[in-house]
């Protein structure tokens, strides 16, 4: 299942790379790309695991950059 999430207030491309690396390690995530310029996370995830993964992705985002917020499109 493909999903696009919007990241607001992300400070730098280095933060985007850290988020991408951490999310890629989650069980159920097949592919992830964090695009700093577009302020988006593109995900290919196991549909049955998405609801459980989303809060973890939000927590990772906030841990890397406390000012950043993540929303579903």
PDB file of N, CA and C in Angstrom:
ATOM      1  N   UNK A   1       0.850  -1.165   0.000  1.00  0.00           N
ATOM      2  CA  UNK A   1       0.000   0.000   0.000  1.00  0.00           C
ATOM      3  C   UNK A   1       0.897   1.231   0.000  1.00  0.00           C
ATOM      4  N   UNK A   2       0.626   2.144  -0.885  1.00  0.00           N
ATOM      5  CA  UNK A   2       1.407   3.371  -0.983  1.00  0.00           C
ATOM      6  C   UNK A   2       0.691   4.487  -0.221  1.00  0.00           C
ATOM      7  N   UNK A   3       1.472   5.242   0.550  1.00  0.00           N
ATOM      8  CA  UNK A   3       0.939   6.362   1.319  1.00  0.00           C
ATOM      9  C   UNK A   3       1.902   7.536   1.194  1.00  0.00           C
ATOM     10  N   UNK A   4       1.335   8.743   1.247  1.00  0.00           N
ATOM     11  CA  UNK A   4       2.121   9.975   1.272  1.00  0.00           C
ATOM     12  C   UNK A   4       1.765  10.702   2.569  1.00  0.00           C
ATOM     13  N   UNK A   5       2.782  11.063   3.330  1.00  0.00           N
ATOM     14  CA  UNK A   5       2.605  11.825   4.553  1.00  0.00           C
ATOM     15  C   UNK A   5       3.289  13.175   4.374  1.00  0.00           C
ATOM     16  N   UNK A   6       2.723  14.218   4.951  1.00  0.00           N
ATOM     17  CA  UNK A   6       3.292  15.562   4.857  1.00  0.00           C
ATOM     18  C   UNK A   6       4.016  15.889   6.154  1.00  0.00           C
ATOM     19  N   UNK A   7       5.237  16.420   6.020  1.00  0.00           N
ATOM     20  CA  UNK A   7       6.012  16.867   7.170  1.00  0.00           C
ATOM     21  C   UNK A   7       6.062  18.390   7.131  1.00  0.00           C
ATOM     22  N   UNK A   8       5.612  19.017   8.194  1.00  0.00           N
ATOM     23  CA  UNK A   8       5.683  20.471   8.279  1.00  0.00           C
ATOM     24  C   UNK A   8       6.769  20.855   9.279  1.00  0.00           C
ATOM     25  N   UNK A   9       7.460  21.941   8.989  1.00  0.00           N
ATOM     26  CA  UNK A   9       8.470  22.534   9.875  1.00  0.00           C
ATOM     27  C   UNK A   9       9.716  21.672  10.077  1.00  0.00           C
ATOM     28  N   UNK A  10      10.037  20.819   9.127  1.00  0.00           N
ATOM     29  CA  UNK A  10      11.270  20.035   9.217  1.00  0.00           C
ATOM     30  C   UNK A  10      12.444  20.961   8.905  1.00  0.00           C
ATOM     31  N   UNK A  11      13.462  20.956   9.783  1.00  0.00           N
ATOM     32  CA  UNK A  11      14.542  21.940   9.715  1.00  0.00           C
ATOM     33  C   UNK A  11      15.546  21.729   8.597  1.00  0.00           C
ATOM     34  N   UNK A  12      15.938  20.465   8.350  1.00  0.00           N
ATOM     35  CA  UNK A  12      17.061  20.286   7.423  1.00  0.00           C
ATOM     36  C   UNK A  12      17.015  18.926   6.724  1.00  0.00           C
ATOM     37  N   UNK A  13      17.788  18.822   5.662  1.00  0.00           N
ATOM     38  CA  UNK A  13      17.831  17.574   4.909  1.00  0.00           C
ATOM     39  C   UNK A  13      18.482  16.458   5.713  1.00  0.00           C
ATOM     40  N   UNK A  14      19.364  16.808   6.629  1.00  0.00           N
ATOM     41  CA  UNK A  14      19.976  15.807   7.494  1.00  0.00           C
ATOM     42  C   UNK A  14      18.918  15.144   8.379  1.00  0.00           C
ATOM     43  N   UNK A  15      17.979  15.933   8.862  1.00  0.00           N
ATOM     44  CA  UNK A  15      16.865  15.387   9.658  1.00  0.00           C
ATOM     45  C   UNK A  15      16.030  14.436   8.799  1.00  0.00           C
ATOM     46  N   UNK A  16      15.805  14.808   7.560  1.00  0.00           N
ATOM     47  CA  UNK A  16      15.035  13.959   6.648  1.00  0.00           C
ATOM     48  C   UNK A  16      15.724  12.610   6.464  1.00  0.00           C
ATOM     49  N   UNK A  17      17.033  12.625   6.328  1.00  0.00           N
ATOM     50  CA  UNK A  17      17.795  11.380   6.175  1.00  0.00           C
ATOM     51  C   UNK A  17      17.700  10.515   7.424  1.00  0.00           C
ATOM     52  N   UNK A  18      17.761  11.133   8.591  1.00  0.00           N
ATOM     53  CA  UNK A  18      17.647  10.384   9.846  1.00  0.00           C
ATOM     54  C   UNK A  18      16.269   9.722   9.962  1.00  0.00           C
ATOM     55  N   UNK A  19      15.234  10.463   9.598  1.00  0.00           N
ATOM     56  CA  UNK A  19      13.872   9.912   9.637  1.00  0.00           C
ATOM     57  C   UNK A  19      13.764   8.746   8.668  1.00  0.00           C
ATOM     58  N   UNK A  20      14.268   8.933   7.452  1.00  0.00           N
ATOM     59  CA  UNK A  20      14.195   7.880   6.440  1.00  0.00           C
ATOM     60  C   UNK A  20      14.890   6.608   6.923  1.00  0.00           C
ATOM     61  N   UNK A  21      16.059   6.755   7.489  1.00  0.00           N
ATOM     62  CA  UNK A  21      16.821   5.597   7.966  1.00  0.00           C
ATOM     63  C   UNK A  21      16.062   4.858   9.071  1.00  0.00           C
ATOM     64  N   UNK A  22      15.486   5.587  10.005  1.00  0.00           N
ATOM     65  CA  UNK A  22      14.765   4.965  11.117  1.00  0.00           C
ATOM     66  C   UNK A  22      13.473   4.295  10.652  1.00  0.00           C
ATOM     67  N   UNK A  23      12.725   4.948   9.785  1.00  0.00           N
ATOM     68  CA  UNK A  23      11.458   4.388   9.296  1.00  0.00           C
ATOM     69  C   UNK A  23      11.715   3.145   8.444  1.00  0.00           C
ATOM     70  N   UNK A  24      12.793   3.144   7.683  1.00  0.00           N
ATOM     71  CA  UNK A  24      13.126   1.994   6.829  1.00  0.00           C
ATOM     72  C   UNK A  24      13.332   0.721   7.638  1.00  0.00           C
ATOM     73  N   UNK A  25      13.674   0.850   8.905  1.00  0.00           N
ATOM     74  CA  UNK A  25      13.927  -0.308   9.750  1.00  0.00           C
ATOM     75  C   UNK A  25      12.661  -0.890  10.384  1.00  0.00           C
ATOM     76  N   UNK A  26      11.538  -0.210  10.237  1.00  0.00           N
ATOM     77  CA  UNK A  26      10.296  -0.687  10.856  1.00  0.00           C
ATOM     78  C   UNK A  26       9.743  -1.903  10.114  1.00  0.00           C
ATOM     79  N   UNK A  27       9.262  -2.867  10.869  1.00  0.00           N
ATOM     80  CA  UNK A  27       8.629  -4.055  10.284  1.00  0.00           C
ATOM     81  C   UNK A  27       7.345  -3.620   9.580  1.00  0.00           C
ATOM     82  N   UNK A  28       7.208  -4.029   8.346  1.00  0.00           N
ATOM     83  CA  UNK A  28       6.027  -3.681   7.552  1.00  0.00           C
ATOM     84  C   UNK A  28       6.282  -2.576   6.541  1.00  0.00           C
ATOM     85  N   UNK A  29       7.407  -1.883   6.675  1.00  0.00           N
ATOM     86  CA  UNK A  29       7.774  -0.840   5.716  1.00  0.00           C
ATOM     87  C   UNK A  29       8.615  -1.484   4.624  1.00  0.00           C
ATOM     88  N   UNK A  30       8.078  -1.484   3.406  1.00  0.00           N
ATOM     89  CA  UNK A  30       8.787  -2.074   2.270  1.00  0.00           C
ATOM     90  C   UNK A  30       9.741  -1.077   1.617  1.00  0.00           C
ATOM     91  N   UNK A  31       9.332   0.194   1.599  1.00  0.00           N
ATOM     92  CA  UNK A  31      10.137   1.242   0.980  1.00  0.00           C
ATOM     93  C   UNK A  31       9.729   2.579   1.576  1.00  0.00           C
ATOM     94  N   UNK A  32      10.702   3.458   1.772  1.00  0.00           N
ATOM     95  CA  UNK A  32      10.418   4.794   2.288  1.00  0.00           C
ATOM     96  C   UNK A  32      11.361   5.791   1.638  1.00  0.00           C
ATOM     97  N   UNK A  33      10.829   6.971   1.327  1.00  0.00           N
ATOM     98  CA  UNK A  33      11.646   8.070   0.814  1.00  0.00           C
ATOM     99  C   UNK A  33      11.155   9.340   1.483  1.00  0.00           C
ATOM    100  N   UNK A  34      12.051  10.020   2.167  1.00  0.00           N
ATOM    101  CA  UNK A  34      11.730  11.303   2.772  1.00  0.00           C
ATOM    102  C   UNK A  34      12.299  12.386   1.863  1.00  0.00           C
ATOM    103  N   UNK A  35      11.407  13.222   1.343  1.00  0.00           N
ATOM    104  CA  UNK A  35      11.787  14.298   0.425  1.00  0.00           C
ATOM    105  C   UNK A  35      11.714  15.624   1.182  1.00  0.00           C
ATOM    106  N   UNK A  36      12.870  16.135   1.580  1.00  0.00           N
ATOM    107  CA  UNK A  36      12.930  17.376   2.348  1.00  0.00           C
ATOM    108  C   UNK A  36      12.331  18.538   1.571  1.00  0.00           C
ATOM    109  N   UNK A  37      12.688  18.676   0.298  1.00  0.00           N
ATOM    110  CA  UNK A  37      12.220  19.803  -0.517  1.00  0.00           C
ATOM    111  C   UNK A  37      10.707  19.799  -0.690  1.00  0.00           C
ATOM    112  N   UNK A  38      10.114  18.614  -0.829  1.00  0.00           N
ATOM    113  CA  UNK A  38       8.665  18.504  -1.015  1.00  0.00           C
ATOM    114  C   UNK A  38       7.916  18.376   0.309  1.00  0.00           C
ATOM    115  N   UNK A  39       8.659  18.250   1.399  1.00  0.00           N
ATOM    116  CA  UNK A  39       8.072  18.078   2.740  1.00  0.00           C
ATOM    117  C   UNK A  39       7.153  16.863   2.802  1.00  0.00           C
ATOM    118  N   UNK A  40       7.634  15.741   2.245  1.00  0.00           N
ATOM    119  CA  UNK A  40       6.807  14.536   2.196  1.00  0.00           C
ATOM    120  C   UNK A  40       7.593  13.280   2.539  1.00  0.00           C
ATOM    121  N   UNK A  41       6.845  12.318   3.079  1.00  0.00           N
ATOM    122  CA  UNK A  41       7.346  10.962   3.232  1.00  0.00           C
ATOM    123  C   UNK A  41       6.505  10.083   2.326  1.00  0.00           C
ATOM    124  N   UNK A  42       7.148   9.385   1.401  1.00  0.00           N
ATOM    125  CA  UNK A  42       6.474   8.418   0.534  1.00  0.00           C
ATOM    126  C   UNK A  42       6.746   7.037   1.106  1.00  0.00           C
ATOM    127  N   UNK A  43       5.684   6.291   1.332  1.00  0.00           N
ATOM    128  CA  UNK A  43       5.800   4.973   1.942  1.00  0.00           C
ATOM    129  C   UNK A  43       5.181   3.901   1.080  1.00  0.00           C
ATOM    130  N   UNK A  44       5.780   2.736   1.104  1.00  0.00           N
ATOM    131  CA  UNK A  44       5.151   1.514   0.614  1.00  0.00           C
ATOM    132  C   UNK A  44       5.147   0.596   1.835  1.00  0.00           C
ATOM    133  N   UNK A  45       3.957   0.360   2.381  1.00  0.00           N
ATOM    134  CA  UNK A  45       3.845  -0.390   3.629  1.00  0.00           C
ATOM    135  C   UNK A  45       2.863  -1.541   3.493  1.00  0.00           C
ATOM    136  N   UNK A  46       3.032  -2.518   4.361  1.00  0.00           N
ATOM    137  CA  UNK A  46       2.085  -3.620   4.471  1.00  0.00           C
ATOM    138  C   UNK A  46       0.773  -3.040   5.010  1.00  0.00           C
ATOM    139  N   UNK A  47      -0.297  -3.211   4.266  1.00  0.00           N
ATOM    140  CA  UNK A  47      -1.579  -2.613   4.623  1.00  0.00           C
ATOM    141  C   UNK A  47      -2.045  -3.027   6.019  1.00  0.00           C
ATOM    142  N   UNK A  48      -1.772  -4.258   6.405  1.00  0.00           N
ATOM    143  CA  UNK A  48      -2.232  -4.747   7.707  1.00  0.00           C
ATOM    144  C   UNK A  48      -1.433  -4.153   8.868  1.00  0.00           C
ATOM    145  N   UNK A  49      -0.282  -3.555   8.583  1.00  0.00           N
ATOM    146  CA  UNK A  49       0.561  -3.002   9.643  1.00  0.00           C
ATOM    147  C   UNK A  49       0.546  -1.473   9.690  1.00  0.00           C
ATOM    148  N   UNK A  50      -0.061  -0.827   8.704  1.00  0.00           N
ATOM    149  CA  UNK A  50       0.008   0.631   8.593  1.00  0.00           C
ATOM    150  C   UNK A  50      -0.522   1.348   9.837  1.00  0.00           C
ATOM    151  N   UNK A  51      -1.664   0.951  10.338  1.00  0.00           N
ATOM    152  CA  UNK A  51      -2.250   1.629  11.495  1.00  0.00           C
ATOM    153  C   UNK A  51      -1.325   1.572  12.710  1.00  0.00           C
ATOM    154  N   UNK A  52      -0.598   0.488  12.861  1.00  0.00           N
ATOM    155  CA  UNK A  52       0.335   0.363  13.966  1.00  0.00           C
ATOM    156  C   UNK A  52       1.645   1.091  13.741  1.00  0.00           C
ATOM    157  N   UNK A  53       2.017   1.262  12.476  1.00  0.00           N
ATOM    158  CA  UNK A  53       3.279   1.918  12.122  1.00  0.00           C
ATOM    159  C   UNK A  53       3.167   3.442  12.204  1.00  0.00           C
ATOM    160  N   UNK A  54       2.029   3.993  11.865  1.00  0.00           N
ATOM    161  CA  UNK A  54       1.869   5.448  11.783  1.00  0.00           C
ATOM    162  C   UNK A  54       2.263   6.173  13.077  1.00  0.00           C
ATOM    163  N   UNK A  55       1.808   5.751  14.257  1.00  0.00           N
ATOM    164  CA  UNK A  55       2.232   6.453  15.476  1.00  0.00           C
ATOM    165  C   UNK A  55       3.745   6.390  15.696  1.00  0.00           C
ATOM    166  N   UNK A  56       4.363   5.309  15.283  1.00  0.00           N
ATOM    167  CA  UNK A  56       5.813   5.173  15.420  1.00  0.00           C
ATOM    168  C   UNK A  56       6.529   6.143  14.488  1.00  0.00           C
ATOM    169  N   UNK A  57       6.029   6.294  13.270  1.00  0.00           N
ATOM    170  CA  UNK A  57       6.621   7.248  12.322  1.00  0.00           C
ATOM    171  C   UNK A  57       6.482   8.670  12.868  1.00  0.00           C
ATOM    172  N   UNK A  58       5.335   8.985  13.437  1.00  0.00           N
ATOM    173  CA  UNK A  58       5.140  10.315  14.036  1.00  0.00           C
ATOM    174  C   UNK A  58       6.124  10.528  15.184  1.00  0.00           C
ATOM    175  N   UNK A  59       6.311   9.521  16.020  1.00  0.00           N
ATOM    176  CA  UNK A  59       7.240   9.632  17.148  1.00  0.00           C
ATOM    177  C   UNK A  59       8.677   9.809  16.671  1.00  0.00           C
ATOM    178  N   UNK A  60       9.060   9.068  15.634  1.00  0.00           N
ATOM    179  CA  UNK A  60      10.408   9.204  15.070  1.00  0.00           C
ATOM    180  C   UNK A  60      10.614  10.622  14.559  1.00  0.00           C
ATOM    181  N   UNK A  61       9.635  11.136  13.836  1.00  0.00           N
ATOM    182  CA  UNK A  61       9.719  12.484  13.268  1.00  0.00           C
ATOM    183  C   UNK A  61       9.890  13.518  14.369  1.00  0.00           C
ATOM    184  N   UNK A  62       9.094  13.411  15.418  1.00  0.00           N
ATOM    185  CA  UNK A  62       9.164  14.376  16.519  1.00  0.00           C
ATOM    186  C   UNK A  62      10.459  14.234  17.323  1.00  0.00           C
ATOM    187  N   UNK A  63      10.992  13.014  17.422  1.00  0.00           N
ATOM    188  CA  UNK A  63      12.247  12.811  18.134  1.00  0.00           C
ATOM    189  C   UNK A  63      13.414  13.447  17.361  1.00  0.00           C
ATOM    190  N   UNK A  64      13.409  13.285  16.046  1.00  0.00           N
ATOM    191  CA  UNK A  64      14.482  13.848  15.215  1.00  0.00           C
ATOM    192  C   UNK A  64      14.389  15.375  15.180  1.00  0.00           C
ATOM    193  N   UNK A  65      13.183  15.887  15.043  1.00  0.00           N
ATOM    194  CA  UNK A  65      12.968  17.341  14.998  1.00  0.00           C
ATOM    195  C   UNK A  65      11.704  17.675  15.790  1.00  0.00           C
ATOM    196  N   UNK A  66      11.832  18.121  17.027  1.00  0.00           N
ATOM    197  CA  UNK A  66      10.670  18.372  17.880  1.00  0.00           C
ATOM    198  C   UNK A  66       9.687  19.407  17.314  1.00  0.00           C
ATOM    199  N   UNK A  67      10.131  20.241  16.388  1.00  0.00           N
ATOM    200  CA  UNK A  67       9.238  21.245  15.790  1.00  0.00           C
ATOM    201  C   UNK A  67       8.456  20.708  14.596  1.00  0.00           C
ATOM    202  N   UNK A  68       8.844  19.553  14.100  1.00  0.00           N
ATOM    203  CA  UNK A  68       8.192  18.990  12.917  1.00  0.00           C
ATOM    204  C   UNK A  68       6.879  18.295  13.290  1.00  0.00           C
ATOM    205  N   UNK A  69       5.922  18.383  12.392  1.00  0.00           N
ATOM    206  CA  UNK A  69       4.647  17.691  12.564  1.00  0.00           C
ATOM    207  C   UNK A  69       4.365  16.863  11.322  1.00  0.00           C
ATOM    208  N   UNK A  70       3.711  15.757  11.523  1.00  0.00           N
ATOM    209  CA  UNK A  70       3.437  14.807  10.447  1.00  0.00           C
ATOM    210  C   UNK A  70       1.933  14.662  10.300  1.00  0.00           C
ATOM    211  N   UNK A  71       1.429  14.751   9.069  1.00  0.00           N
ATOM    212  CA  UNK A  71       0.005  14.576   8.813  1.00  0.00           C
ATOM    213  C   UNK A  71      -0.193  13.644   7.627  1.00  0.00           C
ATOM    214  N   UNK A  72      -1.310  12.917   7.667  1.00  0.00           N
ATOM    215  CA  UNK A  72      -1.675  12.057   6.538  1.00  0.00           C
ATOM    216  C   UNK A  72      -2.347  12.874   5.468  1.00  0.00           C
ATOM    217  N   UNK A  73      -2.094  12.514   4.223  1.00  0.00           N
ATOM    218  CA  UNK A  73      -2.783  13.176   3.103  1.00  0.00           C
ATOM    219  C   UNK A  73      -4.033  12.425   2.747  1.00  0.00           C
TER     220      UNK A  73
END
